[in-house]
Amino acid sequence: MTYVITEPCIGTKDRSCVEVCPVDCIHPKADEDQGEIHLYINPEECIDCGACESVCPVTAIFAEGDVPDQYKKYIEEGADHYKLSKDEFQAKHGHV
């Protein structure tokens, strides 16, 4: 199980979640940003602590099993962000 960042983060990228993550699995940080439209949680590193969910000002973060139906695509997109190259990701999802 992991947490997933969904559509409400688009255009917001508040990064409160980055600050509270005890395992540093949420990216991009401000100094890593390459134009990503929102933040992503690395599903291989997430320890399912939930610290990020409670600080999100736009309610964009959900436990994988609780992601609302309209945001389910963000489960795969989040995983792809970490396993695909930037070009492969852009080709599949249509954005950086």
PDB file of N, CA and C in Angstrom:
ATOM      1  N   MET A   1       0.854  -1.179   0.000  1.00  0.00           N
ATOM      2  CA  MET A   1       0.000   0.000   0.000  1.00  0.00           C
ATOM      3  C   MET A   1       0.898   1.241   0.000  1.00  0.00           C
ATOM      4  N   THR A   2       0.435   2.255  -0.668  1.00  0.00           N
ATOM      5  CA  THR A   2       1.163   3.512  -0.739  1.00  0.00           C
ATOM      6  C   THR A   2       0.160   4.647  -0.757  1.00  0.00           C
ATOM      7  N   TYR A   3       0.648   5.838  -0.663  1.00  0.00           N
ATOM      8  CA  TYR A   3      -0.193   7.014  -0.823  1.00  0.00           C
ATOM      9  C   TYR A   3       0.009   7.541  -2.233  1.00  0.00           C
ATOM     10  N   VAL A   4      -1.007   8.227  -2.747  1.00  0.00           N
ATOM     11  CA  VAL A   4      -1.014   8.693  -4.129  1.00  0.00           C
ATOM     12  C   VAL A   4      -1.424  10.163  -4.144  1.00  0.00           C
ATOM     13  N   ILE A   5      -0.716  10.957  -4.928  1.00  0.00           N
ATOM     14  CA  ILE A   5      -1.071  12.362  -5.105  1.00  0.00           C
ATOM     15  C   ILE A   5      -1.884  12.468  -6.385  1.00  0.00           C
ATOM     16  N   THR A   6      -3.028  13.149  -6.294  1.00  0.00           N
ATOM     17  CA  THR A   6      -3.985  13.193  -7.397  1.00  0.00           C
ATOM     18  C   THR A   6      -4.209  14.610  -7.934  1.00  0.00           C
ATOM     19  N   GLU A   7      -5.175  14.738  -8.806  1.00  0.00           N
ATOM     20  CA  GLU A   7      -5.448  15.947  -9.575  1.00  0.00           C
ATOM     21  C   GLU A   7      -5.480  17.270  -8.800  1.00  0.00           C
ATOM     22  N   PRO A   8      -6.034  17.338  -7.604  1.00  0.00           N
ATOM     23  CA  PRO A   8      -6.061  18.644  -6.934  1.00  0.00           C
ATOM     24  C   PRO A   8      -4.684  19.284  -6.730  1.00  0.00           C
ATOM     25  N   CYS A   9      -3.619  18.511  -6.817  1.00  0.00           N
ATOM     26  CA  CYS A   9      -2.268  19.056  -6.681  1.00  0.00           C
ATOM     27  C   CYS A   9      -1.834  19.808  -7.942  1.00  0.00           C
ATOM     28  N   ILE A  10      -2.466  19.524  -9.068  1.00  0.00           N
ATOM     29  CA  ILE A  10      -2.065  20.159 -10.323  1.00  0.00           C
ATOM     30  C   ILE A  10      -2.162  21.673 -10.179  1.00  0.00           C
ATOM     31  N   GLY A  11      -1.050  22.327 -10.462  1.00  0.00           N
ATOM     32  CA  GLY A  11      -0.999  23.778 -10.381  1.00  0.00           C
ATOM     33  C   GLY A  11      -0.786  24.306  -8.971  1.00  0.00           C
ATOM     34  N   THR A  12      -0.806  23.430  -7.982  1.00  0.00           N
ATOM     35  CA  THR A  12      -0.639  23.859  -6.587  1.00  0.00           C
ATOM     36  C   THR A  12       0.777  23.575  -6.111  1.00  0.00           C
ATOM     37  N   LYS A  13       1.160  22.313  -6.121  1.00  0.00           N
ATOM     38  CA  LYS A  13       2.477  21.863  -5.678  1.00  0.00           C
ATOM     39  C   LYS A  13       2.922  22.602  -4.405  1.00  0.00           C
ATOM     40  N   ASP A  14       2.089  22.575  -3.394  1.00  0.00           N
ATOM     41  CA  ASP A  14       2.343  23.265  -2.128  1.00  0.00           C
ATOM     42  C   ASP A  14       3.611  22.786  -1.426  1.00  0.00           C
ATOM     43  N   ARG A  15       3.913  21.530  -1.517  1.00  0.00           N
ATOM     44  CA  ARG A  15       5.094  20.885  -0.951  1.00  0.00           C
ATOM     45  C   ARG A  15       5.096  20.762   0.569  1.00  0.00           C
ATOM     46  N   SER A  16       3.980  21.023   1.233  1.00  0.00           N
ATOM     47  CA  SER A  16       3.897  20.742   2.673  1.00  0.00           C
ATOM     48  C   SER A  16       4.149  19.263   2.914  1.00  0.00           C
ATOM     49  N   CYS A  17       3.689  18.438   1.991  1.00  0.00           N
ATOM     50  CA  CYS A  17       3.861  16.990   2.109  1.00  0.00           C
ATOM     51  C   CYS A  17       5.329  16.601   2.051  1.00  0.00           C
ATOM     52  N   VAL A  18       6.096  17.284   1.230  1.00  0.00           N
ATOM     53  CA  VAL A  18       7.529  16.993   1.099  1.00  0.00           C
ATOM     54  C   VAL A  18       8.212  17.225   2.438  1.00  0.00           C
ATOM     55  N   GLU A  19       7.837  18.294   3.108  1.00  0.00           N
ATOM     56  CA  GLU A  19       8.472  18.666   4.376  1.00  0.00           C
ATOM     57  C   GLU A  19       8.224  17.641   5.481  1.00  0.00           C
ATOM     58  N   VAL A  20       7.049  16.996   5.490  1.00  0.00           N
ATOM     59  CA  VAL A  20       6.720  16.080   6.586  1.00  0.00           C
ATOM     60  C   VAL A  20       7.043  14.621   6.296  1.00  0.00           C
ATOM     61  N   CYS A  21       7.381  14.290   5.081  1.00  0.00           N
ATOM     62  CA  CYS A  21       7.640  12.893   4.728  1.00  0.00           C
ATOM     63  C   CYS A  21       8.911  12.392   5.419  1.00  0.00           C
ATOM     64  N   PRO A  22       8.778  11.365   6.273  1.00  0.00           N
ATOM     65  CA  PRO A  22       9.953  10.890   7.002  1.00  0.00           C
ATOM     66  C   PRO A  22      10.936  10.073   6.167  1.00  0.00           C
ATOM     67  N   VAL A  23      10.534   9.648   4.966  1.00  0.00           N
ATOM     68  CA  VAL A  23      11.432   8.843   4.132  1.00  0.00           C
ATOM     69  C   VAL A  23      11.819   9.534   2.827  1.00  0.00           C
ATOM     70  N   ASP A  24      11.439  10.801   2.693  1.00  0.00           N
ATOM     71  CA  ASP A  24      11.866  11.592   1.533  1.00  0.00           C
ATOM     72  C   ASP A  24      11.453  10.949   0.208  1.00  0.00           C
ATOM     73  N   CYS A  25      10.182  10.526   0.111  1.00  0.00           N
ATOM     74  CA  CYS A  25       9.740   9.830  -1.103  1.00  0.00           C
ATOM     75  C   CYS A  25       8.809  10.665  -1.980  1.00  0.00           C
ATOM     76  N   ILE A  26       8.673  11.959  -1.703  1.00  0.00           N
ATOM     77  CA  ILE A  26       7.794  12.820  -2.494  1.00  0.00           C
ATOM     78  C   ILE A  26       8.646  13.804  -3.283  1.00  0.00           C
ATOM     79  N   HIS A  27       8.410  13.819  -4.587  1.00  0.00           N
ATOM     80  CA  HIS A  27       9.201  14.663  -5.485  1.00  0.00           C
ATOM     81  C   HIS A  27       8.318  15.242  -6.578  1.00  0.00           C
ATOM     82  N   PRO A  28       8.717  16.282  -7.251  1.00  0.00           N
ATOM     83  CA  PRO A  28       9.987  16.961  -7.117  1.00  0.00           C
ATOM     84  C   PRO A  28       9.977  17.970  -5.970  1.00  0.00           C
ATOM     85  N   LYS A  29      11.123  18.072  -5.332  1.00  0.00           N
ATOM     86  CA  LYS A  29      11.341  19.156  -4.382  1.00  0.00           C
ATOM     87  C   LYS A  29      11.527  20.411  -5.217  1.00  0.00           C
ATOM     88  N   ALA A  30      11.485  21.564  -4.599  1.00  0.00           N
ATOM     89  CA  ALA A  30      11.581  22.827  -5.343  1.00  0.00           C
ATOM     90  C   ALA A  30      12.831  22.875  -6.225  1.00  0.00           C
ATOM     91  N   ASP A  31      13.949  22.394  -5.710  1.00  0.00           N
ATOM     92  CA  ASP A  31      15.194  22.462  -6.479  1.00  0.00           C
ATOM     93  C   ASP A  31      15.329  21.351  -7.513  1.00  0.00           C
ATOM     94  N   GLU A  32      14.355  20.427  -7.574  1.00  0.00           N
ATOM     95  CA  GLU A  32      14.360  19.343  -8.562  1.00  0.00           C
ATOM     96  C   GLU A  32      13.340  19.561  -9.667  1.00  0.00           C
ATOM     97  N   ASP A  33      12.491  20.541  -9.502  1.00  0.00           N
ATOM     98  CA  ASP A  33      11.344  20.732 -10.392  1.00  0.00           C
ATOM     99  C   ASP A  33      11.788  20.944 -11.834  1.00  0.00           C
ATOM    100  N   GLN A  34      11.212  20.118 -12.719  1.00  0.00           N
ATOM    101  CA  GLN A  34      11.490  20.227 -14.154  1.00  0.00           C
ATOM    102  C   GLN A  34      10.199  20.470 -14.929  1.00  0.00           C
ATOM    103  N   GLY A  35       9.249  21.128 -14.293  1.00  0.00           N
ATOM    104  CA  GLY A  35       7.987  21.435 -14.947  1.00  0.00           C
ATOM    105  C   GLY A  35       6.896  20.411 -14.724  1.00  0.00           C
ATOM    106  N   GLU A  36       7.096  19.484 -13.791  1.00  0.00           N
ATOM    107  CA  GLU A  36       6.051  18.513 -13.482  1.00  0.00           C
ATOM    108  C   GLU A  36       4.784  19.257 -13.088  1.00  0.00           C
ATOM    109  N   ILE A  37       3.628  18.701 -13.486  1.00  0.00           N
ATOM    110  CA  ILE A  37       2.388  19.411 -13.195  1.00  0.00           C
ATOM    111  C   ILE A  37       1.907  19.218 -11.766  1.00  0.00           C
ATOM    112  N   HIS A  38       2.395  18.168 -11.106  1.00  0.00           N
ATOM    113  CA  HIS A  38       2.094  17.983  -9.680  1.00  0.00           C
ATOM    114  C   HIS A  38       3.185  17.136  -9.055  1.00  0.00           C
ATOM    115  N   LEU A  39       3.058  16.871  -7.784  1.00  0.00           N
ATOM    116  CA  LEU A  39       4.049  16.077  -7.060  1.00  0.00           C
ATOM    117  C   LEU A  39       3.711  14.599  -7.153  1.00  0.00           C
ATOM    118  N   TYR A  40       4.693  13.755  -6.884  1.00  0.00           N
ATOM    119  CA  TYR A  40       4.527  12.310  -6.970  1.00  0.00           C
ATOM    120  C   TYR A  40       5.146  11.637  -5.760  1.00  0.00           C
ATOM    121  N   ILE A  41       4.508  10.581  -5.292  1.00  0.00           N
ATOM    122  CA  ILE A  41       5.024   9.768  -4.199  1.00  0.00           C
ATOM    123  C   ILE A  41       5.598   8.490  -4.797  1.00  0.00           C
ATOM    124  N   ASN A  42       6.832   8.184  -4.442  1.00  0.00           N
ATOM    125  CA  ASN A  42       7.465   6.968  -4.928  1.00  0.00           C
ATOM    126  C   ASN A  42       6.848   5.772  -4.196  1.00  0.00           C
ATOM    127  N   PRO A  43       6.099   4.920  -4.916  1.00  0.00           N
ATOM    128  CA  PRO A  43       5.413   3.810  -4.257  1.00  0.00           C
ATOM    129  C   PRO A  43       6.347   2.758  -3.681  1.00  0.00           C
ATOM    130  N   GLU A  44       7.581   2.698  -4.168  1.00  0.00           N
ATOM    131  CA  GLU A  44       8.553   1.736  -3.657  1.00  0.00           C
ATOM    132  C   GLU A  44       9.166   2.200  -2.342  1.00  0.00           C
ATOM    133  N   GLU A  45       9.119   3.494  -2.079  1.00  0.00           N
ATOM    134  CA  GLU A  45       9.734   4.046  -0.874  1.00  0.00           C
ATOM    135  C   GLU A  45       8.725   4.449   0.199  1.00  0.00           C
ATOM    136  N   CYS A  46       7.486   4.671  -0.186  1.00  0.00           N
ATOM    137  CA  CYS A  46       6.448   5.104   0.757  1.00  0.00           C
ATOM    138  C   CYS A  46       6.256   4.039   1.839  1.00  0.00           C
ATOM    139  N   ILE A  47       6.239   4.490   3.099  1.00  0.00           N
ATOM    140  CA  ILE A  47       6.067   3.556   4.218  1.00  0.00           C
ATOM    141  C   ILE A  47       4.634   3.578   4.754  1.00  0.00           C
ATOM    142  N   ASP A  48       3.732   4.229   4.027  1.00  0.00           N
ATOM    143  CA  ASP A  48       2.316   4.219   4.372  1.00  0.00           C
ATOM    144  C   ASP A  48       2.048   4.851   5.743  1.00  0.00           C
ATOM    145  N   CYS A  49       2.782   5.898   6.081  1.00  0.00           N
ATOM    146  CA  CYS A  49       2.619   6.519   7.398  1.00  0.00           C
ATOM    147  C   CYS A  49       1.455   7.502   7.435  1.00  0.00           C
ATOM    148  N   GLY A  50       1.111   8.083   6.281  1.00  0.00           N
ATOM    149  CA  GLY A  50      -0.015   9.012   6.220  1.00  0.00           C
ATOM    150  C   GLY A  50       0.306  10.437   6.619  1.00  0.00           C
ATOM    151  N   ALA A  51       1.545  10.745   6.957  1.00  0.00           N
ATOM    152  CA  ALA A  51       1.901  12.099   7.378  1.00  0.00           C
ATOM    153  C   ALA A  51       1.577  13.131   6.299  1.00  0.00           C
ATOM    154  N   CYS A  52       1.764  12.764   5.057  1.00  0.00           N
ATOM    155  CA  CYS A  52       1.542  13.693   3.943  1.00  0.00           C
ATOM    156  C   CYS A  52       0.068  14.035   3.748  1.00  0.00           C
ATOM    157  N   GLU A  53      -0.789  13.062   3.948  1.00  0.00           N
ATOM    158  CA  GLU A  53      -2.214  13.241   3.681  1.00  0.00           C
ATOM    159  C   GLU A  53      -2.814  14.371   4.514  1.00  0.00           C
ATOM    160  N   SER A  54      -2.472  14.421   5.773  1.00  0.00           N
ATOM    161  CA  SER A  54      -3.099  15.392   6.667  1.00  0.00           C
ATOM    162  C   SER A  54      -2.627  16.828   6.448  1.00  0.00           C
ATOM    163  N   VAL A  55      -1.478  17.031   5.822  1.00  0.00           N
ATOM    164  CA  VAL A  55      -0.979  18.393   5.619  1.00  0.00           C
ATOM    165  C   VAL A  55      -1.300  18.969   4.244  1.00  0.00           C
ATOM    166  N   CYS A  56      -1.846  18.170   3.357  1.00  0.00           N
ATOM    167  CA  CYS A  56      -2.146  18.644   2.004  1.00  0.00           C
ATOM    168  C   CYS A  56      -3.280  19.670   2.050  1.00  0.00           C
ATOM    169  N   PRO A  57      -3.022  20.900   1.605  1.00  0.00           N
ATOM    170  CA  PRO A  57      -4.046  21.941   1.695  1.00  0.00           C
ATOM    171  C   PRO A  57      -5.173  21.804   0.668  1.00  0.00           C
ATOM    172  N   VAL A  58      -4.998  20.921  -0.320  1.00  0.00           N
ATOM    173  CA  VAL A  58      -6.025  20.774  -1.363  1.00  0.00           C
ATOM    174  C   VAL A  58      -6.626  19.376  -1.413  1.00  0.00           C
ATOM    175  N   THR A  59      -6.380  18.563  -0.400  1.00  0.00           N
ATOM    176  CA  THR A  59      -6.900  17.201  -0.294  1.00  0.00           C
ATOM    177  C   THR A  59      -6.624  16.408  -1.573  1.00  0.00           C
ATOM    178  N   ALA A  60      -5.353  16.377  -1.953  1.00  0.00           N
ATOM    179  CA  ALA A  60      -4.943  15.669  -3.167  1.00  0.00           C
ATOM    180  C   ALA A  60      -4.339  14.306  -2.872  1.00  0.00           C
ATOM    181  N   ILE A  61      -4.087  13.991  -1.610  1.00  0.00           N
ATOM    182  CA  ILE A  61      -3.367  12.772  -1.258  1.00  0.00           C
ATOM    183  C   ILE A  61      -4.312  11.776  -0.604  1.00  0.00           C
ATOM    184  N   PHE A  62      -4.253  10.540  -1.112  1.00  0.00           N
ATOM    185  CA  PHE A  62      -5.113   9.467  -0.615  1.00  0.00           C
ATOM    186  C   PHE A  62      -4.297   8.192  -0.472  1.00  0.00           C
ATOM    187  N   ALA A  63      -4.683   7.352   0.497  1.00  0.00           N
ATOM    188  CA  ALA A  63      -4.142   6.002   0.541  1.00  0.00           C
ATOM    189  C   ALA A  63      -4.584   5.315  -0.749  1.00  0.00           C
ATOM    190  N   GLU A  64      -3.741   4.496  -1.324  1.00  0.00           N
ATOM    191  CA  GLU A  64      -4.037   3.877  -2.616  1.00  0.00           C
ATOM    192  C   GLU A  64      -5.416   3.233  -2.654  1.00  0.00           C
ATOM    193  N   GLY A  65      -5.809   2.568  -1.618  1.00  0.00           N
ATOM    194  CA  GLY A  65      -7.109   1.905  -1.569  1.00  0.00           C
ATOM    195  C   GLY A  65      -8.283   2.850  -1.432  1.00  0.00           C
ATOM    196  N   ASP A  66      -8.013   4.114  -1.115  1.00  0.00           N
ATOM    197  CA  ASP A  66      -9.074   5.108  -0.916  1.00  0.00           C
ATOM    198  C   ASP A  66      -9.150   6.149  -2.027  1.00  0.00           C
ATOM    199  N   VAL A  67      -8.355   5.986  -3.081  1.00  0.00           N
ATOM    200  CA  VAL A  67      -8.367   6.964  -4.168  1.00  0.00           C
ATOM    201  C   VAL A  67      -9.754   6.964  -4.813  1.00  0.00           C
ATOM    202  N   PRO A  68     -10.407   8.130  -4.882  1.00  0.00           N
ATOM    203  CA  PRO A  68     -11.727   8.195  -5.526  1.00  0.00           C
ATOM    204  C   PRO A  68     -11.658   7.737  -6.982  1.00  0.00           C
ATOM    205  N   ASP A  69     -12.747   7.188  -7.472  1.00  0.00           N
ATOM    206  CA  ASP A  69     -12.782   6.643  -8.831  1.00  0.00           C
ATOM    207  C   ASP A  69     -12.275   7.623  -9.876  1.00  0.00           C
ATOM    208  N   GLN A  70     -12.641   8.889  -9.763  1.00  0.00           N
ATOM    209  CA  GLN A  70     -12.247   9.862 -10.792  1.00  0.00           C
ATOM    210  C   GLN A  70     -10.743  10.133 -10.795  1.00  0.00           C
ATOM    211  N   TYR A  71     -10.026   9.679  -9.769  1.00  0.00           N
ATOM    212  CA  TYR A  71      -8.585   9.901  -9.680  1.00  0.00           C
ATOM    213  C   TYR A  71      -7.766   8.613  -9.792  1.00  0.00           C
ATOM    214  N   LYS A  72      -8.380   7.497 -10.093  1.00  0.00           N
ATOM    215  CA  LYS A  72      -7.670   6.206 -10.138  1.00  0.00           C
ATOM    216  C   LYS A  72      -6.471   6.209 -11.084  1.00  0.00           C
ATOM    217  N   LYS A  73      -6.535   6.970 -12.174  1.00  0.00           N
ATOM    218  CA  LYS A  73      -5.422   6.990 -13.130  1.00  0.00           C
ATOM    219  C   LYS A  73      -4.122   7.483 -12.504  1.00  0.00           C
ATOM    220  N   TYR A  74      -4.233   8.231 -11.408  1.00  0.00           N
ATOM    221  CA  TYR A  74      -3.043   8.771 -10.763  1.00  0.00           C
ATOM    222  C   TYR A  74      -2.245   7.708 -10.008  1.00  0.00           C
ATOM    223  N   ILE A  75      -2.843   6.571  -9.755  1.00  0.00           N
ATOM    224  CA  ILE A  75      -2.105   5.464  -9.123  1.00  0.00           C
ATOM    225  C   ILE A  75      -1.009   5.000 -10.084  1.00  0.00           C
ATOM    226  N   GLU A  76      -1.394   4.705 -11.327  1.00  0.00           N
ATOM    227  CA  GLU A  76      -0.415   4.266 -12.323  1.00  0.00           C
ATOM    228  C   GLU A  76       0.535   5.395 -12.700  1.00  0.00           C
ATOM    229  N   GLU A  77      -0.001   6.597 -12.834  1.00  0.00           N
ATOM    230  CA  GLU A  77       0.834   7.733 -13.220  1.00  0.00           C
ATOM    231  C   GLU A  77       1.936   7.976 -12.187  1.00  0.00           C
ATOM    232  N   GLY A  78       1.582   7.894 -10.917  1.00  0.00           N
ATOM    233  CA  GLY A  78       2.576   8.087  -9.867  1.00  0.00           C
ATOM    234  C   GLY A  78       3.681   7.051  -9.926  1.00  0.00           C
ATOM    235  N   ALA A  79       3.317   5.802 -10.134  1.00  0.00           N
ATOM    236  CA  ALA A  79       4.318   4.738 -10.248  1.00  0.00           C
ATOM    237  C   ALA A  79       5.177   4.944 -11.494  1.00  0.00           C
ATOM    238  N   ASP A  80       4.539   5.314 -12.603  1.00  0.00           N
ATOM    239  CA  ASP A  80       5.272   5.532 -13.850  1.00  0.00           C
ATOM    240  C   ASP A  80       6.281   6.664 -13.734  1.00  0.00           C
ATOM    241  N   HIS A  81       5.975   7.665 -12.928  1.00  0.00           N
ATOM    242  CA  HIS A  81       6.893   8.788 -12.760  1.00  0.00           C
ATOM    243  C   HIS A  81       8.264   8.306 -12.294  1.00  0.00           C
ATOM    244  N   TYR A  82       8.288   7.241 -11.526  1.00  0.00           N
ATOM    245  CA  TYR A  82       9.544   6.728 -10.983  1.00  0.00           C
ATOM    246  C   TYR A  82      10.154   5.589 -11.797  1.00  0.00           C
ATOM    247  N   LYS A  83       9.360   4.912 -12.634  1.00  0.00           N
ATOM    248  CA  LYS A  83       9.935   3.775 -13.355  1.00  0.00           C
ATOM    249  C   LYS A  83      10.178   4.027 -14.840  1.00  0.00           C
ATOM    250  N   LEU A  84       9.582   5.059 -15.418  1.00  0.00           N
ATOM    251  CA  LEU A  84       9.781   5.371 -16.831  1.00  0.00           C
ATOM    252  C   LEU A  84      10.764   6.530 -16.986  1.00  0.00           C
ATOM    253  N   SER A  85      11.400   6.599 -18.135  1.00  0.00           N
ATOM    254  CA  SER A  85      12.229   7.765 -18.425  1.00  0.00           C
ATOM    255  C   SER A  85      11.304   8.968 -18.601  1.00  0.00           C
ATOM    256  N   LYS A  86      11.874  10.151 -18.562  1.00  0.00           N
ATOM    257  CA  LYS A  86      11.080  11.370 -18.746  1.00  0.00           C
ATOM    258  C   LYS A  86      10.346  11.349 -20.082  1.00  0.00           C
ATOM    259  N   ASP A  87      11.023  10.916 -21.143  1.00  0.00           N
ATOM    260  CA  ASP A  87      10.403  10.857 -22.469  1.00  0.00           C
ATOM    261  C   ASP A  87       9.290   9.812 -22.531  1.00  0.00           C
ATOM    262  N   GLU A  88       9.526   8.651 -21.935  1.00  0.00           N
ATOM    263  CA  GLU A  88       8.510   7.603 -21.918  1.00  0.00           C
ATOM    264  C   GLU A  88       7.271   8.060 -21.124  1.00  0.00           C
ATOM    265  N   PHE A  89       7.530   8.715 -19.991  1.00  0.00           N
ATOM    266  CA  PHE A  89       6.443   9.216 -19.164  1.00  0.00           C
ATOM    267  C   PHE A  89       5.605  10.233 -19.940  1.00  0.00           C
ATOM    268  N   GLN A  90       6.278  11.164 -20.581  1.00  0.00           N
ATOM    269  CA  GLN A  90       5.574  12.202 -21.350  1.00  0.00           C
ATOM    270  C   GLN A  90       4.765  11.586 -22.494  1.00  0.00           C
ATOM    271  N   ALA A  91       5.323  10.606 -23.179  1.00  0.00           N
ATOM    272  CA  ALA A  91       4.607   9.949 -24.279  1.00  0.00           C
ATOM    273  C   ALA A  91       3.357   9.229 -23.777  1.00  0.00           C
ATOM    274  N   LYS A  92       3.446   8.624 -22.618  1.00  0.00           N
ATOM    275  CA  LYS A  92       2.318   7.857 -22.078  1.00  0.00           C
ATOM    276  C   LYS A  92       1.247   8.736 -21.439  1.00  0.00           C
ATOM    277  N   HIS A  93       1.679   9.776 -20.715  1.00  0.00           N
ATOM    278  CA  HIS A  93       0.747  10.580 -19.937  1.00  0.00           C
ATOM    279  C   HIS A  93       0.482  11.970 -20.506  1.00  0.00           C
ATOM    280  N   GLY A  94       1.261  12.366 -21.516  1.00  0.00           N
ATOM    281  CA  GLY A  94       0.992  13.632 -22.196  1.00  0.00           C
ATOM    282  C   GLY A  94       1.512  14.875 -21.487  1.00  0.00           C
ATOM    283  N   HIS A  95       2.306  14.701 -20.465  1.00  0.00           N
ATOM    284  CA  HIS A  95       2.918  15.832 -19.755  1.00  0.00           C
ATOM    285  C   HIS A  95       4.161  15.343 -19.043  1.00  0.00           C
ATOM    286  N   VAL A  96       4.905  16.283 -18.511  1.00  0.00           N
ATOM    287  CA  VAL A  96       6.133  15.966 -17.765  1.00  0.00           C
ATOM    288  C   VAL A  96       5.742  15.461 -16.401  1.00  0.00           C
TER     289      VAL A  96
END
